[in-house]
């Protein structure tokens, strides 16, 4: 038997590719943080 505990919520990775768009990066990160994930 394993001591590994399952997470209560699913783990989701987010990749925000950007190049030379620093002014939009804050908005993109805030948008990701406001998302809800329901299966």
Protein backbone atom coordinates (compact mmCIF):
# COMPACT_ATOMS: atom_id res chain seq x y z
CA UNK A 1 0.00 0.00 0.00
CA UNK A 2 1.32 3.44 -0.91
CA UNK A 3 1.48 6.55 1.27
CA UNK A 4 0.68 8.66 -1.79
CA UNK A 5 -2.38 10.83 -1.22
CA UNK A 6 -4.52 11.84 -4.16
CA UNK A 7 -5.03 15.56 -4.71
CA UNK A 8 -8.46 16.95 -3.95
CA UNK A 9 -8.50 18.92 -7.21
CA UNK A 10 -7.04 17.97 -10.59
CA UNK A 11 -3.64 19.35 -11.47
CA UNK A 12 -3.69 21.57 -14.54
CA UNK A 13 -0.66 23.04 -16.28
CA UNK A 14 -0.95 26.26 -18.25
CA UNK A 15 1.56 27.44 -20.82
CA UNK A 16 1.43 31.03 -22.02
CA UNK A 17 3.76 31.43 -24.98
CA UNK A 18 4.76 35.03 -25.49
CA UNK A 19 7.41 37.02 -27.27
CA UNK A 20 7.85 40.76 -26.88
CA UNK A 21 4.38 41.17 -25.32
CA UNK A 22 5.14 42.09 -21.72
CA UNK A 23 2.21 44.51 -21.59
CA UNK A 24 -0.24 41.61 -22.17
CA UNK A 25 1.43 39.07 -19.86
CA UNK A 26 -0.16 40.37 -16.65
CA UNK A 27 -3.61 40.25 -18.25
CA UNK A 28 -3.00 36.71 -19.50
CA UNK A 29 -1.87 35.44 -16.08
CA UNK A 30 -4.81 37.09 -14.33
CA UNK A 31 -7.18 35.51 -16.83
CA UNK A 32 -5.74 32.06 -16.15
CA UNK A 33 -6.01 32.53 -12.38
CA UNK A 34 -9.68 33.48 -12.68
CA UNK A 35 -10.58 30.31 -14.57
CA UNK A 36 -12.48 27.49 -12.91
CA UNK A 37 -12.02 23.91 -13.96
CA UNK A 38 -14.88 21.50 -13.50
CA UNK A 39 -14.86 18.06 -15.00
